[in-house]
Amino acid sequence: MQFKPFALALSVFMATHVPSASAGELVGPSVISTGLQETSAALSPDGNTLYFMRSDFAEKDDTILVSHRRDGHWSAPEVVSFSGRWHDSEPALSPDGKRLYFVSNRPPHPGDAPVTAEMNGQHFAGTHLWYVEQQPDGHWGQPVHVEGAHNDGAMIYNPSVAANGDVYFSAHRGDSGKAYQIYVAHRTPSGYAPPERVDLGDIEHNRMDPGVDPQQRFLVYAGNEGDSLGSADIYIAFREKDGHWGKPIHLPGEVNSPSLENAPSVGRHFGELYVSSNRQVEMQFPKMHDDAASLQRRLESPLNGSRNLWLFDISDILKAHGIDH
């Protein structure tokens, strides 16, 4: 099914039309979702504080921001206290909201060099896993480097935390094949165990950006299992009674589009799914006659081809698989 906003005239969008929840809701138009790249939504337990990543189109300048919902509106985002100097990205809150995990190229230890990675002869900013802990006054403490084998290769992305502390993430490792795969590092009394690849089928398929249900009953992720509408779509896998993960299901409805969808995260209310997408308003010609100012406004607005944050309802598919809360 084609995404409904594609059929909207540009003039309708510019009048600040927001699609209905059944078709997907653009999160914070022109405040959170802008003409830049926004991904990786992480909601506080009460749903009124949103952490996310904003970056340039080349995604070489990633920073973590925070916005607060007041009287039904999102506040102007601010850079979080622990970000703004390094290549920080992909925030993820623990289910209790007391830890915020993220990945960064910052030096792991005092005196170390910034983290770098290499793939196919290309060198770029690498990532290790970090977290900040909520302090008694509600502020975040200093970033803590999470030691462990999950950092091997310096390509760990999009952490997602279960209620028991297990961390899911995507990475390119020795057993990933040519693409990226999803892993889990189980939390133990002494830290994190070496990561295990989550078996979702043929590793020829690229799998990124896991978002795990706090009880680990299901897992959403971005990838292409051979039936993607675009370069990457959102899939869901349910945990079976024997503990294994079932065959990935291409999410139905309008979560997916011919554009890129990635970085899914589970919201705080039943059925909420946050997704990053670069879907655009369909251009129709002849368009309204632009002057320089109107052209600038339109090209800098959301739905200009940059990635934005969207909110969808997947409660129907969860209920169909026996999950109702």
C-alpha atoms as a PDB file:
ATOM      1  CA  MET A   1       0.000   0.000   0.000  1.00  0.00           C
ATOM      2  CA  GLN A   2       1.385   3.391  -0.910  1.00  0.00           C
ATOM      3  CA  PHE A   3       1.870   5.789   1.981  1.00  0.00           C
ATOM      4  CA  LYS A   4      -0.991   8.287   2.126  1.00  0.00           C
ATOM      5  CA  PRO A   5       1.047  11.481   2.517  1.00  0.00           C
ATOM      6  CA  PHE A   6       2.723  10.748  -0.844  1.00  0.00           C
ATOM      7  CA  ALA A   7      -0.542  11.745  -2.483  1.00  0.00           C
ATOM      8  CA  LEU A   8      -0.866  15.034  -0.628  1.00  0.00           C
ATOM      9  CA  ALA A   9      -0.316  18.172  -2.599  1.00  0.00           C
ATOM     10  CA  LEU A  10       2.737  20.111  -1.498  1.00  0.00           C
ATOM     11  CA  SER A  11       0.589  23.085  -0.596  1.00  0.00           C
ATOM     12  CA  VAL A  12      -1.385  20.935   1.852  1.00  0.00           C
ATOM     13  CA  PHE A  13       1.791  19.811   3.595  1.00  0.00           C
ATOM     14  CA  MET A  14       3.113  23.330   3.811  1.00  0.00           C
ATOM     15  CA  ALA A  15      -0.074  24.214   5.664  1.00  0.00           C
ATOM     16  CA  THR A  16       1.352  21.943   8.441  1.00  0.00           C
ATOM     17  CA  HIS A  17      -0.896  18.957   7.721  1.00  0.00           C
ATOM     18  CA  VAL A  18       0.097  15.957   9.864  1.00  0.00           C
ATOM     19  CA  PRO A  19      -1.105  12.498   8.734  1.00  0.00           C
ATOM     20  CA  SER A  20      -3.531  10.702  11.024  1.00  0.00           C
ATOM     21  CA  ALA A  21      -2.243   8.155  13.513  1.00  0.00           C
ATOM     22  CA  SER A  22      -3.641   5.287  11.436  1.00  0.00           C
ATOM     23  CA  ALA A  23      -1.392   6.335   8.571  1.00  0.00           C
ATOM     24  CA  GLY A  24       1.571   7.210  10.767  1.00  0.00           C
ATOM     25  CA  GLU A  25       2.211  10.431  12.634  1.00  0.00           C
ATOM     26  CA  LEU A  26       5.156  12.702  11.892  1.00  0.00           C
ATOM     27  CA  VAL A  27       6.741  13.434  15.273  1.00  0.00           C
ATOM     28  CA  GLY A  28       7.105  17.127  16.082  1.00  0.00           C
ATOM     29  CA  PRO A  29       6.972  18.593  12.548  1.00  0.00           C
ATOM     30  CA  SER A  30       9.634  21.304  12.101  1.00  0.00           C
ATOM     31  CA  VAL A  31      10.609  20.974  15.794  1.00  0.00           C
ATOM     32  CA  ILE A  32      11.874  17.404  16.148  1.00  0.00           C
ATOM     33  CA  SER A  33      11.424  16.242  12.558  1.00  0.00           C
ATOM     34  CA  THR A  34      13.152  18.831  10.365  1.00  0.00           C
ATOM     35  CA  GLY A  35      15.013  19.136   7.082  1.00  0.00           C
ATOM     36  CA  LEU A  36      18.049  17.493   8.725  1.00  0.00           C
ATOM     37  CA  GLN A  37      18.429  13.806   9.635  1.00  0.00           C
ATOM     38  CA  GLU A  38      16.586  12.605  12.745  1.00  0.00           C
ATOM     39  CA  THR A  39      16.673   9.001  13.935  1.00  0.00           C
ATOM     40  CA  SER A  40      16.642   6.748  16.997  1.00  0.00           C
ATOM     41  CA  ALA A  41      13.773   7.830  19.235  1.00  0.00           C
ATOM     42  CA  ALA A  42      14.037   6.952  22.940  1.00  0.00           C
ATOM     43  CA  LEU A  43      11.107   7.817  25.224  1.00  0.00           C
ATOM     44  CA  SER A  44      11.122   8.318  28.983  1.00  0.00           C
ATOM     45  CA  PRO A  45       8.775   6.024  30.976  1.00  0.00           C
ATOM     46  CA  ASP A  46       6.086   8.733  31.117  1.00  0.00           C
ATOM     47  CA  GLY A  47       6.402   9.338  27.371  1.00  0.00           C
ATOM     48  CA  ASN A  48       6.993  13.065  27.814  1.00  0.00           C
ATOM     49  CA  THR A  49      10.737  13.246  27.233  1.00  0.00           C
ATOM     50  CA  LEU A  50      12.184  12.254  23.873  1.00  0.00           C
ATOM     51  CA  TYR A  51      15.853  11.628  23.170  1.00  0.00           C
ATOM     52  CA  PHE A  52      16.951  11.314  19.554  1.00  0.00           C
ATOM     53  CA  MET A  53      19.861  11.769  17.172  1.00  0.00           C
ATOM     54  CA  ARG A  54      20.217  14.625  14.704  1.00  0.00           C
ATOM     55  CA  SER A  55      22.871  14.749  12.011  1.00  0.00           C
ATOM     56  CA  ASP A  56      23.868  16.109   8.634  1.00  0.00           C
ATOM     57  CA  PHE A  57      22.953  14.289   5.424  1.00  0.00           C
ATOM     58  CA  ALA A  58      26.352  12.564   5.326  1.00  0.00           C
ATOM     59  CA  GLU A  59      25.853  11.438   8.938  1.00  0.00           C
ATOM     60  CA  LYS A  60      29.356  12.514   9.900  1.00  0.00           C
ATOM     61  CA  ASP A  61      28.169  14.948  12.573  1.00  0.00           C
ATOM     62  CA  ASP A  62      25.876  13.058  14.955  1.00  0.00           C
ATOM     63  CA  THR A  63      24.622  14.590  18.195  1.00  0.00           C
ATOM     64  CA  ILE A  64      22.069  13.469  20.795  1.00  0.00           C
ATOM     65  CA  LEU A  65      19.246  15.888  21.602  1.00  0.00           C
ATOM     66  CA  VAL A  66      16.335  15.964  24.022  1.00  0.00           C
ATOM     67  CA  SER A  67      12.859  17.486  23.820  1.00  0.00           C
ATOM     68  CA  HIS A  68      10.058  17.665  26.403  1.00  0.00           C
ATOM     69  CA  ARG A  69       6.328  17.432  25.732  1.00  0.00           C
ATOM     70  CA  ARG A  70       4.364  20.196  27.435  1.00  0.00           C
ATOM     71  CA  ASP A  71       0.659  20.869  26.863  1.00  0.00           C
ATOM     72  CA  GLY A  72       0.709  18.471  23.926  1.00  0.00           C
ATOM     73  CA  HIS A  73       3.644  20.141  22.144  1.00  0.00           C
ATOM     74  CA  TRP A  74       7.314  19.239  21.910  1.00  0.00           C
ATOM     75  CA  SER A  75       9.797  21.834  23.132  1.00  0.00           C
ATOM     76  CA  ALA A  76      12.708  23.090  21.042  1.00  0.00           C
ATOM     77  CA  PRO A  77      15.359  20.341  21.268  1.00  0.00           C
ATOM     78  CA  GLU A  78      18.540  20.894  23.237  1.00  0.00           C
ATOM     79  CA  VAL A  79      21.835  19.016  23.127  1.00  0.00           C
ATOM     80  CA  VAL A  80      21.999  16.654  26.103  1.00  0.00           C
ATOM     81  CA  SER A  81      24.581  17.345  28.787  1.00  0.00           C
ATOM     82  CA  PHE A  82      26.859  14.455  27.790  1.00  0.00           C
ATOM     83  CA  SER A  83      26.885  15.040  24.020  1.00  0.00           C
ATOM     84  CA  GLY A  84      28.021  17.776  21.647  1.00  0.00           C
ATOM     85  CA  ARG A  85      31.764  17.104  21.390  1.00  0.00           C
ATOM     86  CA  TRP A  86      32.046  13.612  19.913  1.00  0.00           C
ATOM     87  CA  HIS A  87      30.302  11.498  17.285  1.00  0.00           C
ATOM     88  CA  ASP A  88      27.494  10.423  19.638  1.00  0.00           C
ATOM     89  CA  SER A  89      24.471   8.601  18.299  1.00  0.00           C
ATOM     90  CA  GLU A  90      21.591   6.205  18.781  1.00  0.00           C
ATOM     91  CA  PRO A  91      20.309   6.792  22.314  1.00  0.00           C
ATOM     92  CA  ALA A  92      18.364   3.997  24.030  1.00  0.00           C
ATOM     93  CA  LEU A  93      16.749   4.161  27.458  1.00  0.00           C
ATOM     94  CA  SER A  94      16.500   1.208  29.785  1.00  0.00           C
ATOM     95  CA  PRO A  95      12.865   0.266  30.468  1.00  0.00           C
ATOM     96  CA  ASP A  96      13.011   1.890  33.928  1.00  0.00           C
ATOM     97  CA  GLY A  97      14.436   5.092  32.424  1.00  0.00           C
ATOM     98  CA  LYS A  98      17.421   5.137  34.783  1.00  0.00           C
ATOM     99  CA  ARG A  99      20.116   4.422  32.202  1.00  0.00           C
ATOM    100  CA  LEU A 100      20.584   5.869  28.755  1.00  0.00           C
ATOM    101  CA  TYR A 101      22.829   3.883  26.442  1.00  0.00           C
ATOM    102  CA  PHE A 102      24.434   5.323  23.321  1.00  0.00           C
ATOM    103  CA  VAL A 103      27.379   4.714  20.991  1.00  0.00           C
ATOM    104  CA  SER A 104      30.289   7.071  20.475  1.00  0.00           C
ATOM    105  CA  ASN A 105      33.754   7.461  19.005  1.00  0.00           C
ATOM    106  CA  ARG A 106      35.020   9.235  22.138  1.00  0.00           C
ATOM    107  CA  PRO A 107      38.238   7.801  23.659  1.00  0.00           C
ATOM    108  CA  PRO A 108      37.317   4.748  25.767  1.00  0.00           C
ATOM    109  CA  HIS A 109      39.794   5.644  28.495  1.00  0.00           C
ATOM    110  CA  PRO A 110      41.808   8.734  29.427  1.00  0.00           C
ATOM    111  CA  GLY A 111      44.758   9.069  27.089  1.00  0.00           C
ATOM    112  CA  ASP A 112      43.258   6.842  24.389  1.00  0.00           C
ATOM    113  CA  ALA A 113      42.733   8.018  20.829  1.00  0.00           C
ATOM    114  CA  PRO A 114      39.211   8.472  19.471  1.00  0.00           C
ATOM    115  CA  VAL A 115      37.721   5.215  18.217  1.00  0.00           C
ATOM    116  CA  THR A 116      37.999   4.512  14.492  1.00  0.00           C
ATOM    117  CA  ALA A 117      36.736   1.649  12.342  1.00  0.00           C
ATOM    118  CA  GLU A 118      37.632   0.188   8.964  1.00  0.00           C
ATOM    119  CA  MET A 119      35.484  -1.676   6.449  1.00  0.00           C
ATOM    120  CA  ASN A 120      36.219  -2.426   2.808  1.00  0.00           C
ATOM    121  CA  GLY A 121      39.262  -0.193   2.917  1.00  0.00           C
ATOM    122  CA  GLN A 122      37.327   2.790   4.232  1.00  0.00           C
ATOM    123  CA  HIS A 123      38.183   4.392   7.581  1.00  0.00           C
ATOM    124  CA  PHE A 124      35.534   6.240   9.582  1.00  0.00           C
ATOM    125  CA  ALA A 125      34.473   7.178  13.099  1.00  0.00           C
ATOM    126  CA  GLY A 126      34.018   3.972  15.055  1.00  0.00           C
ATOM    127  CA  THR A 127      31.686   3.272  17.954  1.00  0.00           C
ATOM    128  CA  HIS A 128      31.862   1.785  21.415  1.00  0.00           C
ATOM    129  CA  LEU A 129      29.000   1.316  23.841  1.00  0.00           C
ATOM    130  CA  TRP A 130      28.475   3.860  26.639  1.00  0.00           C
ATOM    131  CA  TYR A 131      25.811   4.736  29.163  1.00  0.00           C
ATOM    132  CA  VAL A 132      24.895   7.537  31.547  1.00  0.00           C
ATOM    133  CA  GLU A 133      23.136   6.926  34.850  1.00  0.00           C
ATOM    134  CA  GLN A 134      20.314   9.065  36.208  1.00  0.00           C
ATOM    135  CA  GLN A 135      21.361  10.932  39.347  1.00  0.00           C
ATOM    136  CA  PRO A 136      19.216  11.628  42.454  1.00  0.00           C
ATOM    137  CA  ASP A 137      18.587  15.165  41.169  1.00  0.00           C
ATOM    138  CA  GLY A 138      17.255  13.782  37.863  1.00  0.00           C
ATOM    139  CA  HIS A 139      20.259  14.848  35.790  1.00  0.00           C
ATOM    140  CA  TRP A 140      22.546  12.464  33.931  1.00  0.00           C
ATOM    141  CA  GLY A 141      25.926  11.527  35.350  1.00  0.00           C
ATOM    142  CA  GLN A 142      29.200  11.256  33.488  1.00  0.00           C
ATOM    143  CA  PRO A 143      29.393   8.778  30.567  1.00  0.00           C
ATOM    144  CA  VAL A 144      30.601   5.284  31.483  1.00  0.00           C
ATOM    145  CA  HIS A 145      32.368   3.110  28.920  1.00  0.00           C
ATOM    146  CA  VAL A 146      30.779  -0.352  28.777  1.00  0.00           C
ATOM    147  CA  GLU A 147      33.673  -2.792  28.654  1.00  0.00           C
ATOM    148  CA  GLY A 148      33.283  -6.018  26.734  1.00  0.00           C
ATOM    149  CA  ALA A 149      33.678  -7.933  23.502  1.00  0.00           C
ATOM    150  CA  HIS A 150      30.649  -6.148  22.029  1.00  0.00           C
ATOM    151  CA  ASN A 151      33.038  -3.291  21.194  1.00  0.00           C
ATOM    152  CA  ASP A 152      35.309  -5.515  19.065  1.00  0.00           C
ATOM    153  CA  GLY A 153      35.622  -4.059  15.582  1.00  0.00           C
ATOM    154  CA  ALA A 154      34.297  -0.677  16.760  1.00  0.00           C
ATOM    155  CA  MET A 155      31.105  -1.087  14.747  1.00  0.00           C
ATOM    156  CA  ILE A 156      28.316  -1.425  17.296  1.00  0.00           C
ATOM    157  CA  TYR A 157      25.088   0.388  16.441  1.00  0.00           C
ATOM    158  CA  ASN A 158      21.592   1.051  17.793  1.00  0.00           C
ATOM    159  CA  PRO A 159      21.636  -0.531  21.234  1.00  0.00           C
ATOM    160  CA  SER A 160      18.294  -1.583  22.698  1.00  0.00           C
ATOM    161  CA  VAL A 161      17.897  -2.678  26.310  1.00  0.00           C
ATOM    162  CA  ALA A 162      15.629  -5.375  27.756  1.00  0.00           C
ATOM    163  CA  ALA A 163      14.222  -5.243  31.290  1.00  0.00           C
ATOM    164  CA  ASN A 164      16.810  -7.761  32.527  1.00  0.00           C
ATOM    165  CA  GLY A 165      19.664  -5.599  31.202  1.00  0.00           C
ATOM    166  CA  ASP A 166      20.442  -7.603  28.058  1.00  0.00           C
ATOM    167  CA  VAL A 167      21.620  -5.301  25.273  1.00  0.00           C
ATOM    168  CA  TYR A 168      20.684  -5.948  21.653  1.00  0.00           C
ATOM    169  CA  PHE A 169      22.597  -4.168  18.896  1.00  0.00           C
ATOM    170  CA  SER A 170      23.643  -4.446  15.275  1.00  0.00           C
ATOM    171  CA  ALA A 171      27.231  -4.870  14.202  1.00  0.00           C
ATOM    172  CA  HIS A 172      29.581  -6.182  11.562  1.00  0.00           C
ATOM    173  CA  ARG A 173      31.583  -8.952  13.181  1.00  0.00           C
ATOM    174  CA  GLY A 174      33.423 -12.108  12.153  1.00  0.00           C
ATOM    175  CA  ASP A 175      30.235 -14.171  11.898  1.00  0.00           C
ATOM    176  CA  SER A 176      28.118 -11.458  10.233  1.00  0.00           C
ATOM    177  CA  GLY A 177      28.802 -12.441   6.636  1.00  0.00           C
ATOM    178  CA  LYS A 178      29.055  -9.545   4.195  1.00  0.00           C
ATOM    179  CA  ALA A 179      26.368  -7.474   5.863  1.00  0.00           C
ATOM    180  CA  TYR A 180      25.369  -6.423   9.379  1.00  0.00           C
ATOM    181  CA  GLN A 181      23.597  -8.713  11.809  1.00  0.00           C
ATOM    182  CA  ILE A 182      21.857  -8.390  15.166  1.00  0.00           C
ATOM    183  CA  TYR A 183      23.521  -9.503  18.391  1.00  0.00           C
ATOM    184  CA  VAL A 184      22.678  -9.723  22.066  1.00  0.00           C
ATOM    185  CA  ALA A 185      25.075  -9.253  24.973  1.00  0.00           C
ATOM    186  CA  HIS A 186      23.614 -10.825  28.094  1.00  0.00           C
ATOM    187  CA  ARG A 187      24.098  -8.879  31.294  1.00  0.00           C
ATOM    188  CA  THR A 188      25.828 -10.852  34.058  1.00  0.00           C
ATOM    189  CA  PRO A 189      26.825  -9.986  37.640  1.00  0.00           C
ATOM    190  CA  SER A 190      30.324  -9.173  36.367  1.00  0.00           C
ATOM    191  CA  GLY A 191      29.414  -7.222  33.235  1.00  0.00           C
ATOM    192  CA  TYR A 192      28.383  -8.306  29.764  1.00  0.00           C
ATOM    193  CA  ALA A 193      28.975 -11.741  28.273  1.00  0.00           C
ATOM    194  CA  PRO A 194      30.465 -11.980  24.773  1.00  0.00           C
ATOM    195  CA  PRO A 195      27.764 -11.165  22.234  1.00  0.00           C
ATOM    196  CA  GLU A 196      25.755 -13.864  20.503  1.00  0.00           C
ATOM    197  CA  ARG A 197      24.332 -13.465  17.030  1.00  0.00           C
ATOM    198  CA  VAL A 198      20.536 -13.515  17.015  1.00  0.00           C
ATOM    199  CA  ASP A 199      19.501 -16.244  14.590  1.00  0.00           C
ATOM    200  CA  LEU A 200      16.987 -14.691  12.195  1.00  0.00           C
ATOM    201  CA  GLY A 201      17.850 -16.781   9.154  1.00  0.00           C
ATOM    202  CA  ASP A 202      20.235 -16.519   6.213  1.00  0.00           C
ATOM    203  CA  ILE A 203      23.067 -14.086   7.034  1.00  0.00           C
ATOM    204  CA  GLU A 204      23.134 -12.975   3.409  1.00  0.00           C
ATOM    205  CA  HIS A 205      20.324 -10.597   4.445  1.00  0.00           C
ATOM    206  CA  ASN A 206      21.324  -7.316   6.039  1.00  0.00           C
ATOM    207  CA  ARG A 207      19.817  -6.721   9.521  1.00  0.00           C
ATOM    208  CA  MET A 208      20.244  -3.516  11.500  1.00  0.00           C
ATOM    209  CA  ASP A 209      18.860  -1.397  14.328  1.00  0.00           C
ATOM    210  CA  PRO A 210      17.108  -3.797  16.709  1.00  0.00           C
ATOM    211  CA  GLY A 211      14.359  -2.577  18.996  1.00  0.00           C
ATOM    212  CA  VAL A 212      13.557  -5.189  21.624  1.00  0.00           C
ATOM    213  CA  ASP A 213      10.393  -5.553  23.671  1.00  0.00           C
ATOM    214  CA  PRO A 214      11.353  -5.141  27.362  1.00  0.00           C
ATOM    215  CA  GLN A 215      10.201  -8.738  28.060  1.00  0.00           C
ATOM    216  CA  GLN A 216      11.954  -9.932  24.869  1.00  0.00           C
ATOM    217  CA  ARG A 217       8.705 -11.289  23.452  1.00  0.00           C
ATOM    218  CA  PHE A 218       9.373  -9.676  20.073  1.00  0.00           C
ATOM    219  CA  LEU A 219      12.084  -7.853  18.206  1.00  0.00           C
ATOM    220  CA  VAL A 220      11.750  -5.223  15.487  1.00  0.00           C
ATOM    221  CA  TYR A 221      14.607  -4.292  13.177  1.00  0.00           C
ATOM    222  CA  ALA A 222      15.502  -2.742   9.839  1.00  0.00           C
ATOM    223  CA  GLY A 223      16.670  -4.825   6.924  1.00  0.00           C
ATOM    224  CA  ASN A 224      15.761  -6.574   3.706  1.00  0.00           C
ATOM    225  CA  GLU A 225      14.599 -10.171   3.866  1.00  0.00           C
ATOM    226  CA  GLY A 226      13.998 -10.220   0.114  1.00  0.00           C
ATOM    227  CA  ASP A 227      10.586  -8.538   0.175  1.00  0.00           C
ATOM    228  CA  SER A 228      11.531  -4.994   1.158  1.00  0.00           C
ATOM    229  CA  LEU A 229       9.680  -2.174  -0.603  1.00  0.00           C
ATOM    230  CA  GLY A 230      12.762   0.045  -0.375  1.00  0.00           C
ATOM    231  CA  SER A 231      16.440  -0.274   0.495  1.00  0.00           C
ATOM    232  CA  ALA A 232      15.440  -1.224   4.045  1.00  0.00           C
ATOM    233  CA  ASP A 233      12.099  -1.931   5.695  1.00  0.00           C
ATOM    234  CA  ILE A 234      10.967  -2.771   9.216  1.00  0.00           C
ATOM    235  CA  TYR A 235      10.488  -6.408  10.235  1.00  0.00           C
ATOM    236  CA  ILE A 236       9.275  -8.107  13.396  1.00  0.00           C
ATOM    237  CA  ALA A 237      10.231 -11.489  14.856  1.00  0.00           C
ATOM    238  CA  PHE A 238       8.433 -13.169  17.740  1.00  0.00           C
ATOM    239  CA  ARG A 239      10.079 -15.377  20.322  1.00  0.00           C
ATOM    240  CA  GLU A 240       8.748 -18.914  20.180  1.00  0.00           C
ATOM    241  CA  LYS A 241       7.980 -21.189  23.134  1.00  0.00           C
ATOM    242  CA  ASP A 242      11.334 -22.960  22.781  1.00  0.00           C
ATOM    243  CA  GLY A 243      13.174 -19.651  23.138  1.00  0.00           C
ATOM    244  CA  HIS A 244      14.185 -19.339  19.495  1.00  0.00           C
ATOM    245  CA  TRP A 245      13.141 -16.455  17.285  1.00  0.00           C
ATOM    246  CA  GLY A 246      10.479 -17.093  14.669  1.00  0.00           C
ATOM    247  CA  LYS A 247      10.735 -16.237  10.999  1.00  0.00           C
ATOM    248  CA  PRO A 248      10.883 -12.455  10.456  1.00  0.00           C
ATOM    249  CA  ILE A 249       7.638 -10.863   9.264  1.00  0.00           C
ATOM    250  CA  HIS A 250       7.526  -7.812   7.021  1.00  0.00           C
ATOM    251  CA  LEU A 251       5.422  -5.348   9.005  1.00  0.00           C
ATOM    252  CA  PRO A 252       2.089  -4.794   7.235  1.00  0.00           C
ATOM    253  CA  GLY A 253       0.208  -1.544   6.788  1.00  0.00           C
ATOM    254  CA  GLU A 254       1.951   1.745   6.245  1.00  0.00           C
ATOM    255  CA  VAL A 255       5.000   1.352   8.462  1.00  0.00           C
ATOM    256  CA  ASN A 256       6.964   0.525   5.323  1.00  0.00           C
ATOM    257  CA  SER A 257       7.167   2.470   2.092  1.00  0.00           C
ATOM    258  CA  PRO A 258       9.317   2.558  -1.072  1.00  0.00           C
ATOM    259  CA  SER A 259      11.625   4.883   0.887  1.00  0.00           C
ATOM    260  CA  LEU A 260      14.185   3.951   3.542  1.00  0.00           C
ATOM    261  CA  GLU A 261      12.845   2.900   6.942  1.00  0.00           C
ATOM    262  CA  ASN A 262      15.219   2.152   9.797  1.00  0.00           C
ATOM    263  CA  ALA A 263      16.014   2.631  13.500  1.00  0.00           C
ATOM    264  CA  PRO A 264      12.731   1.260  14.915  1.00  0.00           C
ATOM    265  CA  SER A 265      12.161   1.559  18.656  1.00  0.00           C
ATOM    266  CA  VAL A 266       9.347   0.342  20.889  1.00  0.00           C
ATOM    267  CA  GLY A 267       7.320   3.139  22.493  1.00  0.00           C
ATOM    268  CA  ARG A 268       6.011   3.383  26.056  1.00  0.00           C
ATOM    269  CA  HIS A 269       2.383   2.583  25.246  1.00  0.00           C
ATOM    270  CA  PHE A 270       1.144  -0.707  23.893  1.00  0.00           C
ATOM    271  CA  GLY A 271       1.594  -0.939  20.122  1.00  0.00           C
ATOM    272  CA  GLU A 272       3.663   2.231  19.729  1.00  0.00           C
ATOM    273  CA  LEU A 273       6.490   1.950  17.228  1.00  0.00           C
ATOM    274  CA  TYR A 274       8.847   4.812  16.399  1.00  0.00           C
ATOM    275  CA  VAL A 275      10.581   4.619  13.032  1.00  0.00           C
ATOM    276  CA  SER A 276      12.976   6.782  11.072  1.00  0.00           C
ATOM    277  CA  SER A 277      11.998   7.266   7.417  1.00  0.00           C
ATOM    278  CA  ASN A 278      13.075   9.469   4.524  1.00  0.00           C
ATOM    279  CA  ARG A 279       9.694   9.297   2.782  1.00  0.00           C
ATOM    280  CA  GLN A 280       8.789  12.469   0.917  1.00  0.00           C
ATOM    281  CA  VAL A 281       5.770  14.361  -0.281  1.00  0.00           C
ATOM    282  CA  GLU A 282       5.200  13.451  -3.916  1.00  0.00           C
ATOM    283  CA  MET A 283       6.166  16.312  -6.198  1.00  0.00           C
ATOM    284  CA  GLN A 284       3.468  17.287  -8.660  1.00  0.00           C
ATOM    285  CA  PHE A 285       4.078  19.478 -11.673  1.00  0.00           C
ATOM    286  CA  PRO A 286       3.415  22.158 -12.428  1.00  0.00           C
ATOM    287  CA  LYS A 287       4.129  23.121  -8.840  1.00  0.00           C
ATOM    288  CA  MET A 288       3.207  26.374  -7.195  1.00  0.00           C
ATOM    289  CA  HIS A 289       5.456  29.108  -8.537  1.00  0.00           C
ATOM    290  CA  ASP A 290       8.394  29.428  -6.162  1.00  0.00           C
ATOM    291  CA  ASP A 291      10.269  32.533  -5.263  1.00  0.00           C
ATOM    292  CA  ALA A 292      13.622  32.218  -3.498  1.00  0.00           C
ATOM    293  CA  ALA A 293      12.055  32.386  -0.020  1.00  0.00           C
ATOM    294  CA  SER A 294       9.346  29.771  -0.639  1.00  0.00           C
ATOM    295  CA  LEU A 295      11.841  27.451  -2.312  1.00  0.00           C
ATOM    296  CA  GLN A 296      14.172  27.736   0.679  1.00  0.00           C
ATOM    297  CA  ARG A 297      11.367  27.018   3.134  1.00  0.00           C
ATOM    298  CA  ARG A 298      10.217  23.975   1.222  1.00  0.00           C
ATOM    299  CA  LEU A 299      13.678  22.514   0.726  1.00  0.00           C
ATOM    300  CA  GLU A 300      14.476  22.941   4.424  1.00  0.00           C
ATOM    301  CA  SER A 301      11.162  21.526   5.657  1.00  0.00           C
ATOM    302  CA  PRO A 302      10.423  17.961   6.832  1.00  0.00           C
ATOM    303  CA  LEU A 303       9.628  15.418   4.096  1.00  0.00           C
ATOM    304  CA  ASN A 304      12.358  16.904   1.908  1.00  0.00           C
ATOM    305  CA  GLY A 305      14.090  13.537   1.619  1.00  0.00           C
ATOM    306  CA  SER A 306      15.833  13.707   4.973  1.00  0.00           C
ATOM    307  CA  ARG A 307      15.064  11.121   7.610  1.00  0.00           C
ATOM    308  CA  ASN A 308      12.363  12.068  10.094  1.00  0.00           C
ATOM    309  CA  LEU A 309      10.790  10.379  13.108  1.00  0.00           C
ATOM    310  CA  TRP A 310       7.393   8.729  12.665  1.00  0.00           C
ATOM    311  CA  LEU A 311       5.027   7.065  15.122  1.00  0.00           C
ATOM    312  CA  PHE A 312       2.965   4.009  14.121  1.00  0.00           C
ATOM    313  CA  ASP A 313       0.547   1.640  15.838  1.00  0.00           C
ATOM    314  CA  ILE A 314       1.389  -2.067  15.521  1.00  0.00           C
ATOM    315  CA  SER A 315      -0.998  -3.298  18.221  1.00  0.00           C
ATOM    316  CA  ASP A 316      -2.991  -5.423  15.751  1.00  0.00           C
ATOM    317  CA  ILE A 317      -0.056  -7.621  14.784  1.00  0.00           C
ATOM    318  CA  LEU A 318       0.997  -7.947  18.429  1.00  0.00           C
ATOM    319  CA  LYS A 319      -2.503  -9.060  19.422  1.00  0.00           C
ATOM    320  CA  ALA A 320      -2.555 -11.519  16.534  1.00  0.00           C
ATOM    321  CA  HIS A 321       0.508 -13.153  18.119  1.00  0.00           C
ATOM    322  CA  GLY A 322      -0.943 -13.321  21.617  1.00  0.00           C
ATOM    323  CA  ILE A 323       0.569 -10.114  23.031  1.00  0.00           C
ATOM    324  CA  ASP A 324      -2.049  -7.730  24.421  1.00  0.00           C
ATOM    325  CA  HIS A 325      -0.157  -5.441  26.805  1.00  0.00           C
END
